[in-house]
Structures are given as structure tokens and as C-alpha cells.
Amino acid sequence: MKTPKLLPWHARKAGIPIERATTLWHEAVREATAATGWVGNAEYWGEAMNAFLRLLEEEKEHFCAPCVTPFVRSQNRLWRLPLTAMEDVVSAVSASWQRYSALARKAA
């Protein structure tokens, strides 16, 4: 049975692999078939999607994936700090040099 087109989006949102989300989708389809007794009507697909989202939430609670994004961002900012400071120094020196050269031209 085909998976929903939004399955990869739901998997990324929950932070689990797409393969595991596909397994959860097949389990949700089995649950929906057992619950409704029919295949293919609106009630069946609604029940399948509700079961899938419930299983996805349960999986998300048990899946341990550390969030390293804030750490990487702070490291990136610390790495760029010397470059930013050097850029500020060069900008200040350039402005000072331009002011000095403008005064030298007026005096001559």
C-alpha cells in the first residue's frame, strides 16, 4: 500500500527516520482496517491518519535524538568572532585613514 505524500514531512517534524515512519504507517493501516472493517472509504482513511499521528507521537516520545542545533550555532558564532572583530578594526582604520587623508588634502 502506498504511503501518504506528507509522510516524510511528518517524519522530519517528529525527528524520526522515514523508514520508521513508513513502518508506523503500515501499522496504522492495519489498526484502521481492524477498527472500521472497511478499506478505502473516508472513515477508514481518517482512522488510519489518526492512528498514524498517534503512533508518531508515541514514537517521538521514545526516540532519543539530541538537539545539537543550538550548540552548533553558538560554536559557529564563536568561530566567527575573531573575523568579525578584525572586520570592525579594518573598518575603523579605513575610516580613520580617509579622515586623515581628507585633512591632509585641505591643508595642502
PDB file of N, CA and C in Angstrom:
ATOM      1  N   MET A   1       0.847  -1.176   0.000  1.00  0.00           N
ATOM      2  CA  MET A   1       0.000   0.000   0.000  1.00  0.00           C
ATOM      3  C   MET A   1       0.894   1.242   0.000  1.00  0.00           C
ATOM      4  N   LYS A   2       0.491   2.238  -0.746  1.00  0.00           N
ATOM      5  CA  LYS A   2       1.268   3.464  -0.835  1.00  0.00           C
ATOM      6  C   LYS A   2       1.185   4.257   0.464  1.00  0.00           C
ATOM      7  N   THR A   3       2.230   5.006   0.698  1.00  0.00           N
ATOM      8  CA  THR A   3       2.257   5.866   1.884  1.00  0.00           C
ATOM      9  C   THR A   3       1.758   7.257   1.504  1.00  0.00           C
ATOM     10  N   PRO A   4       1.310   8.046   2.478  1.00  0.00           N
ATOM     11  CA  PRO A   4       0.868   9.410   2.166  1.00  0.00           C
ATOM     12  C   PRO A   4       2.044  10.266   1.702  1.00  0.00           C
ATOM     13  N   LYS A   5       1.753  11.254   0.882  1.00  0.00           N
ATOM     14  CA  LYS A   5       2.815  12.121   0.366  1.00  0.00           C
ATOM     15  C   LYS A   5       3.417  12.986   1.471  1.00  0.00           C
ATOM     16  N   LEU A   6       2.661  13.218   2.533  1.00  0.00           N
ATOM     17  CA  LEU A   6       3.161  14.029   3.641  1.00  0.00           C
ATOM     18  C   LEU A   6       3.933  13.219   4.676  1.00  0.00           C
ATOM     19  N   LEU A   7       4.119  11.935   4.434  1.00  0.00           N
ATOM     20  CA  LEU A   7       4.829  11.094   5.397  1.00  0.00           C
ATOM     21  C   LEU A   7       6.245  11.586   5.684  1.00  0.00           C
ATOM     22  N   PRO A   8       7.062  11.958   4.680  1.00  0.00           N
ATOM     23  CA  PRO A   8       8.403  12.475   5.005  1.00  0.00           C
ATOM     24  C   PRO A   8       8.358  13.754   5.832  1.00  0.00           C
ATOM     25  N   TRP A   9       7.388  14.595   5.569  1.00  0.00           N
ATOM     26  CA  TRP A   9       7.258  15.833   6.346  1.00  0.00           C
ATOM     27  C   TRP A   9       6.924  15.519   7.795  1.00  0.00           C
ATOM     28  N   HIS A  10       5.966  14.614   8.000  1.00  0.00           N
ATOM     29  CA  HIS A  10       5.608  14.211   9.367  1.00  0.00           C
ATOM     30  C   HIS A  10       6.809  13.571  10.066  1.00  0.00           C
ATOM     31  N   ALA A  11       7.573  12.772   9.337  1.00  0.00           N
ATOM     32  CA  ALA A  11       8.743  12.111   9.933  1.00  0.00           C
ATOM     33  C   ALA A  11       9.788  13.127  10.351  1.00  0.00           C
ATOM     34  N   ARG A  12      10.086  14.092   9.477  1.00  0.00           N
ATOM     35  CA  ARG A  12      11.067  15.125   9.845  1.00  0.00           C
ATOM     36  C   ARG A  12      10.562  15.969  11.000  1.00  0.00           C
ATOM     37  N   LYS A  13       9.278  16.266  11.000  1.00  0.00           N
ATOM     38  CA  LYS A  13       8.706  17.068  12.085  1.00  0.00           C
ATOM     39  C   LYS A  13       8.830  16.335  13.422  1.00  0.00           C
ATOM     40  N   ALA A  14       8.646  15.021  13.408  1.00  0.00           N
ATOM     41  CA  ALA A  14       8.763  14.224  14.629  1.00  0.00           C
ATOM     42  C   ALA A  14      10.207  13.883  14.953  1.00  0.00           C
ATOM     43  N   GLY A  15      11.103  14.023  13.962  1.00  0.00           N
ATOM     44  CA  GLY A  15      12.512  13.729  14.206  1.00  0.00           C
ATOM     45  C   GLY A  15      12.851  12.257  14.152  1.00  0.00           C
ATOM     46  N   ILE A  16      12.095  11.500  13.370  1.00  0.00           N
ATOM     47  CA  ILE A  16      12.379  10.079  13.246  1.00  0.00           C
ATOM     48  C   ILE A  16      12.708   9.761  11.789  1.00  0.00           C
ATOM     49  N   PRO A  17      13.390   8.640  11.523  1.00  0.00           N
ATOM     50  CA  PRO A  17      13.717   8.280  10.141  1.00  0.00           C
ATOM     51  C   PRO A  17      12.471   7.956   9.318  1.00  0.00           C
ATOM     52  N   ILE A  18      12.555   8.182   8.021  1.00  0.00           N
ATOM     53  CA  ILE A  18      11.419   7.939   7.131  1.00  0.00           C
ATOM     54  C   ILE A  18      11.063   6.453   7.097  1.00  0.00           C
ATOM     55  N   GLU A  19      12.074   5.590   7.199  1.00  0.00           N
ATOM     56  CA  GLU A  19      11.807   4.147   7.193  1.00  0.00           C
ATOM     57  C   GLU A  19      10.934   3.755   8.387  1.00  0.00           C
ATOM     58  N   ARG A  20      11.239   4.336   9.545  1.00  0.00           N
ATOM     59  CA  ARG A  20      10.437   4.039  10.738  1.00  0.00           C
ATOM     60  C   ARG A  20       9.028   4.611  10.604  1.00  0.00           C
ATOM     61  N   ALA A  21       8.910   5.791   9.990  1.00  0.00           N
ATOM     62  CA  ALA A  21       7.594   6.380   9.763  1.00  0.00           C
ATOM     63  C   ALA A  21       6.767   5.521   8.810  1.00  0.00           C
ATOM     64  N   THR A  22       7.425   4.923   7.818  1.00  0.00           N
ATOM     65  CA  THR A  22       6.723   4.030   6.896  1.00  0.00           C
ATOM     66  C   THR A  22       6.203   2.807   7.635  1.00  0.00           C
ATOM     67  N   THR A  23       7.006   2.261   8.531  1.00  0.00           N
ATOM     68  CA  THR A  23       6.566   1.127   9.346  1.00  0.00           C
ATOM     69  C   THR A  23       5.374   1.508  10.209  1.00  0.00           C
ATOM     70  N   LEU A  24       5.423   2.693  10.791  1.00  0.00           N
ATOM     71  CA  LEU A  24       4.299   3.166  11.608  1.00  0.00           C
ATOM     72  C   LEU A  24       3.049   3.362  10.763  1.00  0.00           C
ATOM     73  N   TRP A  25       3.216   3.813   9.512  1.00  0.00           N
ATOM     74  CA  TRP A  25       2.067   3.995   8.632  1.00  0.00           C
ATOM     75  C   TRP A  25       1.398   2.649   8.347  1.00  0.00           C
ATOM     76  N   HIS A  26       2.199   1.623   8.073  1.00  0.00           N
ATOM     77  CA  HIS A  26       1.625   0.304   7.809  1.00  0.00           C
ATOM     78  C   HIS A  26       0.908  -0.242   9.042  1.00  0.00           C
ATOM     79  N   GLU A  27       1.452   0.024  10.205  1.00  0.00           N
ATOM     80  CA  GLU A  27       0.787  -0.397  11.441  1.00  0.00           C
ATOM     81  C   GLU A  27      -0.527   0.362  11.629  1.00  0.00           C
ATOM     82  N   ALA A  28      -0.538   1.646  11.303  1.00  0.00           N
ATOM     83  CA  ALA A  28      -1.767   2.448  11.410  1.00  0.00           C
ATOM     84  C   ALA A  28      -2.823   1.952  10.438  1.00  0.00           C
ATOM     85  N   VAL A  29      -2.406   1.542   9.250  1.00  0.00           N
ATOM     86  CA  VAL A  29      -3.352   0.999   8.267  1.00  0.00           C
ATOM     87  C   VAL A  29      -3.964  -0.299   8.787  1.00  0.00           C
ATOM     88  N   ARG A  30      -3.146  -1.145   9.397  1.00  0.00           N
ATOM     89  CA  ARG A  30      -3.679  -2.381   9.975  1.00  0.00           C
ATOM     90  C   ARG A  30      -4.684  -2.080  11.085  1.00  0.00           C
ATOM     91  N   GLU A  31      -4.363  -1.107  11.935  1.00  0.00           N
ATOM     92  CA  GLU A  31      -5.284  -0.730  13.008  1.00  0.00           C
ATOM     93  C   GLU A  31      -6.585  -0.172  12.447  1.00  0.00           C
ATOM     94  N   ALA A  32      -6.490   0.639  11.401  1.00  0.00           N
ATOM     95  CA  ALA A  32      -7.690   1.224  10.801  1.00  0.00           C
ATOM     96  C   ALA A  32      -8.555   0.151  10.158  1.00  0.00           C
ATOM     97  N   THR A  33      -7.924  -0.826   9.537  1.00  0.00           N
ATOM     98  CA  THR A  33      -8.678  -1.927   8.929  1.00  0.00           C
ATOM     99  C   THR A  33      -9.412  -2.712  10.011  1.00  0.00           C
ATOM    100  N   ALA A  34      -8.738  -2.961  11.122  1.00  0.00           N
ATOM    101  CA  ALA A  34      -9.368  -3.700  12.223  1.00  0.00           C
ATOM    102  C   ALA A  34     -10.478  -2.872  12.874  1.00  0.00           C
ATOM    103  N   ALA A  35     -10.298  -1.558  12.956  1.00  0.00           N
ATOM    104  CA  ALA A  35     -11.280  -0.716  13.637  1.00  0.00           C
ATOM    105  C   ALA A  35     -12.531  -0.479  12.790  1.00  0.00           C
ATOM    106  N   THR A  36     -12.365  -0.239  11.499  1.00  0.00           N
ATOM    107  CA  THR A  36     -13.519   0.106  10.661  1.00  0.00           C
ATOM    108  C   THR A  36     -14.109  -1.091   9.930  1.00  0.00           C
ATOM    109  N   GLY A  37     -13.277  -2.063   9.583  1.00  0.00           N
ATOM    110  CA  GLY A  37     -13.776  -3.215   8.846  1.00  0.00           C
ATOM    111  C   GLY A  37     -13.893  -2.952   7.359  1.00  0.00           C
ATOM    112  N   TRP A  38     -13.659  -1.751   6.936  1.00  0.00           N
ATOM    113  CA  TRP A  38     -13.737  -1.375   5.527  1.00  0.00           C
ATOM    114  C   TRP A  38     -12.390  -0.836   5.078  1.00  0.00           C
ATOM    115  N   VAL A  39     -12.178  -0.873   3.790  1.00  0.00           N
ATOM    116  CA  VAL A  39     -10.947  -0.335   3.233  1.00  0.00           C
ATOM    117  C   VAL A  39     -11.302   0.640   2.123  1.00  0.00           C
ATOM    118  N   GLY A  40     -10.761   1.842   2.212  1.00  0.00           N
ATOM    119  CA  GLY A  40     -10.903   2.789   1.102  1.00  0.00           C
ATOM    120  C   GLY A  40     -11.901   3.896   1.283  1.00  0.00           C
ATOM    121  N   ASN A  41     -12.751   3.861   2.295  1.00  0.00           N
ATOM    122  CA  ASN A  41     -13.700   4.973   2.446  1.00  0.00           C
ATOM    123  C   ASN A  41     -13.104   6.071   3.320  1.00  0.00           C
ATOM    124  N   ALA A  42     -13.796   7.180   3.449  1.00  0.00           N
ATOM    125  CA  ALA A  42     -13.285   8.337   4.170  1.00  0.00           C
ATOM    126  C   ALA A  42     -13.060   8.027   5.651  1.00  0.00           C
ATOM    127  N   GLU A  43     -13.949   7.266   6.244  1.00  0.00           N
ATOM    128  CA  GLU A  43     -13.799   6.901   7.662  1.00  0.00           C
ATOM    129  C   GLU A  43     -12.519   6.087   7.875  1.00  0.00           C
ATOM    130  N   TYR A  44     -12.242   5.181   6.944  1.00  0.00           N
ATOM    131  CA  TYR A  44     -11.050   4.349   7.018  1.00  0.00           C
ATOM    132  C   TYR A  44      -9.783   5.202   6.963  1.00  0.00           C
ATOM    133  N   TRP A  45      -9.705   6.126   5.985  1.00  0.00           N
ATOM    134  CA  TRP A  45      -8.502   6.949   5.838  1.00  0.00           C
ATOM    135  C   TRP A  45      -8.351   7.914   7.008  1.00  0.00           C
ATOM    136  N   GLY A  46      -9.457   8.419   7.516  1.00  0.00           N
ATOM    137  CA  GLY A  46      -9.384   9.282   8.696  1.00  0.00           C
ATOM    138  C   GLY A  46      -8.866   8.530   9.908  1.00  0.00           C
ATOM    139  N   GLU A  47      -9.358   7.315  10.087  1.00  0.00           N
ATOM    140  CA  GLU A  47      -8.891   6.485  11.197  1.00  0.00           C
ATOM    141  C   GLU A  47      -7.415   6.114  11.022  1.00  0.00           C
ATOM    142  N   ALA A  48      -7.006   5.830   9.786  1.00  0.00           N
ATOM    143  CA  ALA A  48      -5.605   5.495   9.524  1.00  0.00           C
ATOM    144  C   ALA A  48      -4.702   6.684   9.845  1.00  0.00           C
ATOM    145  N   MET A  49      -5.103   7.873   9.427  1.00  0.00           N
ATOM    146  CA  MET A  49      -4.280   9.055   9.689  1.00  0.00           C
ATOM    147  C   MET A  49      -4.235   9.372  11.181  1.00  0.00           C
ATOM    148  N   ASN A  50      -5.360   9.248  11.869  1.00  0.00           N
ATOM    149  CA  ASN A  50      -5.366   9.487  13.317  1.00  0.00           C
ATOM    150  C   ASN A  50      -4.466   8.482  14.038  1.00  0.00           C
ATOM    151  N   ALA A  51      -4.543   7.226  13.644  1.00  0.00           N
ATOM    152  CA  ALA A  51      -3.686   6.199  14.257  1.00  0.00           C
ATOM    153  C   ALA A  51      -2.221   6.477  13.952  1.00  0.00           C
ATOM    154  N   PHE A  52      -1.924   6.905  12.722  1.00  0.00           N
ATOM    155  CA  PHE A  52      -0.542   7.213  12.351  1.00  0.00           C
ATOM    156  C   PHE A  52       0.004   8.366  13.180  1.00  0.00           C
ATOM    157  N   LEU A  53      -0.775   9.427  13.329  1.00  0.00           N
ATOM    158  CA  LEU A  53      -0.307  10.570  14.114  1.00  0.00           C
ATOM    159  C   LEU A  53      -0.124  10.204  15.585  1.00  0.00           C
ATOM    160  N   ARG A  54      -1.013   9.347  16.096  1.00  0.00           N
ATOM    161  CA  ARG A  54      -0.869   8.891  17.483  1.00  0.00           C
ATOM    162  C   ARG A  54       0.398   8.056  17.646  1.00  0.00           C
ATOM    163  N   LEU A  55       0.620   7.124  16.720  1.00  0.00           N
ATOM    164  CA  LEU A  55       1.829   6.297  16.772  1.00  0.00           C
ATOM    165  C   LEU A  55       3.093   7.138  16.602  1.00  0.00           C
ATOM    166  N   LEU A  56       3.002   8.165  15.770  1.00  0.00           N
ATOM    167  CA  LEU A  56       4.141   9.048  15.559  1.00  0.00           C
ATOM    168  C   LEU A  56       4.478   9.816  16.833  1.00  0.00           C
ATOM    169  N   GLU A  57       3.454  10.286  17.538  1.00  0.00           N
ATOM    170  CA  GLU A  57       3.681  10.982  18.811  1.00  0.00           C
ATOM    171  C   GLU A  57       4.307  10.051  19.841  1.00  0.00           C
ATOM    172  N   GLU A  58       3.815   8.822  19.908  1.00  0.00           N
ATOM    173  CA  GLU A  58       4.389   7.850  20.847  1.00  0.00           C
ATOM    174  C   GLU A  58       5.850   7.565  20.503  1.00  0.00           C
ATOM    175  N   GLU A  59       6.128   7.440  19.221  1.00  0.00           N
ATOM    176  CA  GLU A  59       7.498   7.170  18.790  1.00  0.00           C
ATOM    177  C   GLU A  59       8.402   8.355  19.095  1.00  0.00           C
ATOM    178  N   LYS A  60       7.871   9.546  18.907  1.00  0.00           N
ATOM    179  CA  LYS A  60       8.655  10.752  19.163  1.00  0.00           C
ATOM    180  C   LYS A  60       9.041  10.844  20.632  1.00  0.00           C
ATOM    181  N   GLU A  61       8.160  10.419  21.513  1.00  0.00           N
ATOM    182  CA  GLU A  61       8.455  10.457  22.948  1.00  0.00           C
ATOM    183  C   GLU A  61       9.551   9.460  23.318  1.00  0.00           C
ATOM    184  N   HIS A  62       9.606   8.335  22.607  1.00  0.00           N
ATOM    185  CA  HIS A  62      10.581   7.297  22.941  1.00  0.00           C
ATOM    186  C   HIS A  62      11.879   7.418  22.154  1.00  0.00           C
ATOM    187  N   PHE A  63      11.858   8.153  21.070  1.00  0.00           N
ATOM    188  CA  PHE A  63      13.035   8.295  20.226  1.00  0.00           C
ATOM    189  C   PHE A  63      13.964   9.324  20.845  1.00  0.00           C
ATOM    190  N   CYS A  64      15.184   8.941  21.078  1.00  0.00           N
ATOM    191  CA  CYS A  64      16.142   9.837  21.731  1.00  0.00           C
ATOM    192  C   CYS A  64      17.081  10.411  20.678  1.00  0.00           C
ATOM    193  N   ALA A  65      16.792  11.598  20.220  1.00  0.00           N
ATOM    194  CA  ALA A  65      17.656  12.283  19.255  1.00  0.00           C
ATOM    195  C   ALA A  65      18.031  13.634  19.860  1.00  0.00           C
ATOM    196  N   PRO A  66      19.284  13.796  20.248  1.00  0.00           N
ATOM    197  CA  PRO A  66      19.668  15.058  20.883  1.00  0.00           C
ATOM    198  C   PRO A  66      19.594  16.215  19.888  1.00  0.00           C
ATOM    199  N   CYS A  67      19.171  17.337  20.395  1.00  0.00           N
ATOM    200  CA  CYS A  67      19.086  18.534  19.573  1.00  0.00           C
ATOM    201  C   CYS A  67      20.403  19.299  19.708  1.00  0.00           C
ATOM    202  N   VAL A  68      21.212  19.250  18.675  1.00  0.00           N
ATOM    203  CA  VAL A  68      22.528  19.888  18.719  1.00  0.00           C
ATOM    204  C   VAL A  68      22.563  21.206  17.966  1.00  0.00           C
ATOM    205  N   THR A  69      21.456  21.603  17.384  1.00  0.00           N
ATOM    206  CA  THR A  69      21.439  22.823  16.579  1.00  0.00           C
ATOM    207  C   THR A  69      21.854  24.058  17.371  1.00  0.00           C
ATOM    208  N   PRO A  70      21.322  24.303  18.588  1.00  0.00           N
ATOM    209  CA  PRO A  70      21.777  25.492  19.324  1.00  0.00           C
ATOM    210  C   PRO A  70      23.272  25.462  19.630  1.00  0.00           C
ATOM    211  N   PHE A  71      23.785  24.291  19.942  1.00  0.00           N
ATOM    212  CA  PHE A  71      25.215  24.161  20.235  1.00  0.00           C
ATOM    213  C   PHE A  71      26.050  24.498  19.004  1.00  0.00           C
ATOM    214  N   VAL A  72      25.649  23.978  17.848  1.00  0.00           N
ATOM    215  CA  VAL A  72      26.391  24.237  16.615  1.00  0.00           C
ATOM    216  C   VAL A  72      26.319  25.716  16.251  1.00  0.00           C
ATOM    217  N   ARG A  73      25.170  26.321  16.443  1.00  0.00           N
ATOM    218  CA  ARG A  73      25.034  27.744  16.131  1.00  0.00           C
ATOM    219  C   ARG A  73      25.922  28.589  17.037  1.00  0.00           C
ATOM    220  N   SER A  74      25.980  28.258  18.319  1.00  0.00           N
ATOM    221  CA  SER A  74      26.824  29.042  19.228  1.00  0.00           C
ATOM    222  C   SER A  74      28.298  28.841  18.889  1.00  0.00           C
ATOM    223  N   GLN A  75      28.686  27.618  18.517  1.00  0.00           N
ATOM    224  CA  GLN A  75      30.070  27.377  18.109  1.00  0.00           C
ATOM    225  C   GLN A  75      30.412  28.157  16.838  1.00  0.00           C
ATOM    226  N   ASN A  76      29.461  28.227  15.937  1.00  0.00           N
ATOM    227  CA  ASN A  76      29.678  28.969  14.701  1.00  0.00           C
ATOM    228  C   ASN A  76      29.877  30.456  15.008  1.00  0.00           C
ATOM    229  N   ARG A  77      29.075  30.994  15.939  1.00  0.00           N
ATOM    230  CA  ARG A  77      29.230  32.406  16.323  1.00  0.00           C
ATOM    231  C   ARG A  77      30.584  32.644  16.986  1.00  0.00           C
ATOM    232  N   LEU A  78      31.016  31.714  17.838  1.00  0.00           N
ATOM    233  CA  LEU A  78      32.317  31.860  18.492  1.00  0.00           C
ATOM    234  C   LEU A  78      33.457  31.765  17.485  1.00  0.00           C
ATOM    235  N   TRP A  79      33.313  30.910  16.484  1.00  0.00           N
ATOM    236  CA  TRP A  79      34.338  30.768  15.462  1.00  0.00           C
ATOM    237  C   TRP A  79      34.454  32.043  14.625  1.00  0.00           C
ATOM    238  N   ARG A  80      33.324  32.689  14.364  1.00  0.00           N
ATOM    239  CA  ARG A  80      33.343  33.892  13.534  1.00  0.00           C
ATOM    240  C   ARG A  80      33.693  35.152  14.316  1.00  0.00           C
ATOM    241  N   LEU A  81      33.752  35.090  15.629  1.00  0.00           N
ATOM    242  CA  LEU A  81      34.016  36.271  16.444  1.00  0.00           C
ATOM    243  C   LEU A  81      35.331  36.952  16.095  1.00  0.00           C
ATOM    244  N   PRO A  82      36.465  36.256  15.971  1.00  0.00           N
ATOM    245  CA  PRO A  82      37.703  36.948  15.582  1.00  0.00           C
ATOM    246  C   PRO A  82      37.603  37.601  14.203  1.00  0.00           C
ATOM    247  N   LEU A  83      36.917  36.947  13.284  1.00  0.00           N
ATOM    248  CA  LEU A  83      36.754  37.530  11.951  1.00  0.00           C
ATOM    249  C   LEU A  83      35.908  38.803  12.003  1.00  0.00           C
ATOM    250  N   THR A  84      34.869  38.785  12.801  1.00  0.00           N
ATOM    251  CA  THR A  84      34.020  39.965  12.946  1.00  0.00           C
ATOM    252  C   THR A  84      34.790  41.098  13.608  1.00  0.00           C
ATOM    253  N   ALA A  85      35.573  40.769  14.635  1.00  0.00           N
ATOM    254  CA  ALA A  85      36.375  41.793  15.314  1.00  0.00           C
ATOM    255  C   ALA A  85      37.406  42.389  14.353  1.00  0.00           C
ATOM    256  N   MET A  86      38.054  41.554  13.560  1.00  0.00           N
ATOM    257  CA  MET A  86      39.035  42.049  12.593  1.00  0.00           C
ATOM    258  C   MET A  86      38.370  42.931  11.542  1.00  0.00           C
ATOM    259  N   GLU A  87      37.183  42.562  11.117  1.00  0.00           N
ATOM    260  CA  GLU A  87      36.454  43.381  10.151  1.00  0.00           C
ATOM    261  C   GLU A  87      36.136  44.753  10.737  1.00  0.00           C
ATOM    262  N   ASP A  88      35.750  44.790  12.003  1.00  0.00           N
ATOM    263  CA  ASP A  88      35.468  46.065  12.660  1.00  0.00           C
ATOM    264  C   ASP A  88      36.733  46.915  12.777  1.00  0.00           C
ATOM    265  N   VAL A  89      37.855  46.295  13.106  1.00  0.00           N
ATOM    266  CA  VAL A  89      39.116  47.030  13.231  1.00  0.00           C
ATOM    267  C   VAL A  89      39.525  47.604  11.880  1.00  0.00           C
ATOM    268  N   VAL A  90      39.443  46.795  10.838  1.00  0.00           N
ATOM    269  CA  VAL A  90      39.816  47.264   9.494  1.00  0.00           C
ATOM    270  C   VAL A  90      38.895  48.400   9.059  1.00  0.00           C
ATOM    271  N   SER A  91      37.635  48.300   9.363  1.00  0.00           N
ATOM    272  CA  SER A  91      36.689  49.360   9.016  1.00  0.00           C
ATOM    273  C   SER A  91      37.023  50.649   9.751  1.00  0.00           C
ATOM    274  N   ALA A  92      37.372  50.553  11.036  1.00  0.00           N
ATOM    275  CA  ALA A  92      37.726  51.742  11.815  1.00  0.00           C
ATOM    276  C   ALA A  92      39.023  52.368  11.299  1.00  0.00           C
ATOM    277  N   VAL A  93      40.011  51.540  10.982  1.00  0.00           N
ATOM    278  CA  VAL A  93      41.277  52.051  10.461  1.00  0.00           C
ATOM    279  C   VAL A  93      41.054  52.727   9.111  1.00  0.00           C
ATOM    280  N   SER A  94      40.226  52.116   8.275  1.00  0.00           N
ATOM    281  CA  SER A  94      39.943  52.692   6.964  1.00  0.00           C
ATOM    282  C   SER A  94      39.251  54.042   7.097  1.00  0.00           C
ATOM    283  N   ALA A  95      38.283  54.147   7.999  1.00  0.00           N
ATOM    284  CA  ALA A  95      37.595  55.418   8.200  1.00  0.00           C
ATOM    285  C   ALA A  95      38.558  56.464   8.741  1.00  0.00           C
ATOM    286  N   SER A  96      39.424  56.065   9.656  1.00  0.00           N
ATOM    287  CA  SER A  96      40.409  56.995  10.212  1.00  0.00           C
ATOM    288  C   SER A  96      41.375  57.458   9.121  1.00  0.00           C
ATOM    289  N   TRP A  97      41.835  56.549   8.295  1.00  0.00           N
ATOM    290  CA  TRP A  97      42.755  56.894   7.211  1.00  0.00           C
ATOM    291  C   TRP A  97      42.099  57.836   6.210  1.00  0.00           C
ATOM    292  N   GLN A  98      40.835  57.625   5.906  1.00  0.00           N
ATOM    293  CA  GLN A  98      40.136  58.514   4.979  1.00  0.00           C
ATOM    294  C   GLN A  98      39.977  59.911   5.574  1.00  0.00           C
ATOM    295  N   ARG A  99      39.678  60.003   6.879  1.00  0.00           N
ATOM    296  CA  ARG A  99      39.578  61.314   7.528  1.00  0.00           C
ATOM    297  C   ARG A  99      40.928  62.019   7.526  1.00  0.00           C
ATOM    298  N   TYR A 100      41.988  61.259   7.795  1.00  0.00           N
ATOM    299  CA  TYR A 100      43.336  61.837   7.829  1.00  0.00           C
ATOM    300  C   TYR A 100      43.743  62.336   6.446  1.00  0.00           C
ATOM    301  N   SER A 101      43.459  61.530   5.414  1.00  0.00           N
ATOM    302  CA  SER A 101      43.834  61.942   4.057  1.00  0.00           C
ATOM    303  C   SER A 101      42.989  63.126   3.597  1.00  0.00           C
ATOM    304  N   ALA A 102      41.766  63.248   4.045  1.00  0.00           N
ATOM    305  CA  ALA A 102      40.921  64.398   3.684  1.00  0.00           C
ATOM    306  C   ALA A 102      41.472  65.663   4.348  1.00  0.00           C
ATOM    307  N   LEU A 103      41.955  65.567   5.592  1.00  0.00           N
ATOM    308  CA  LEU A 103      42.530  66.732   6.279  1.00  0.00           C
ATOM    309  C   LEU A 103      43.845  67.129   5.637  1.00  0.00           C
ATOM    310  N   ALA A 104      44.625  66.143   5.190  1.00  0.00           N
ATOM    311  CA  ALA A 104      45.915  66.431   4.557  1.00  0.00           C
ATOM    312  C   ALA A 104      45.692  67.160   3.233  1.00  0.00           C
ATOM    313  N   ARG A 105      44.663  66.822   2.496  1.00  0.00           N
ATOM    314  CA  ARG A 105      44.391  67.495   1.224  1.00  0.00           C
ATOM    315  C   ARG A 105      43.942  68.932   1.458  1.00  0.00           C
ATOM    316  N   LYS A 106      43.159  69.164   2.515  1.00  0.00           N
ATOM    317  CA  LYS A 106      42.682  70.526   2.805  1.00  0.00           C
ATOM    318  C   LYS A 106      43.840  71.419   3.232  1.00  0.00           C
ATOM    319  N   ALA A 107      44.785  70.852   3.965  1.00  0.00           N
ATOM    320  CA  ALA A 107      45.921  71.641   4.459  1.00  0.00           C
ATOM    321  C   ALA A 107      46.865  72.015   3.327  1.00  0.00           C
ATOM    322  N   ALA A 108      46.928  71.222   2.302  1.00  0.00           N
ATOM    323  CA  ALA A 108      47.879  71.498   1.220  1.00  0.00           C
ATOM    324  C   ALA A 108      47.326  72.464   0.254  1.00  0.00           C
TER     325      ALA A 108
END
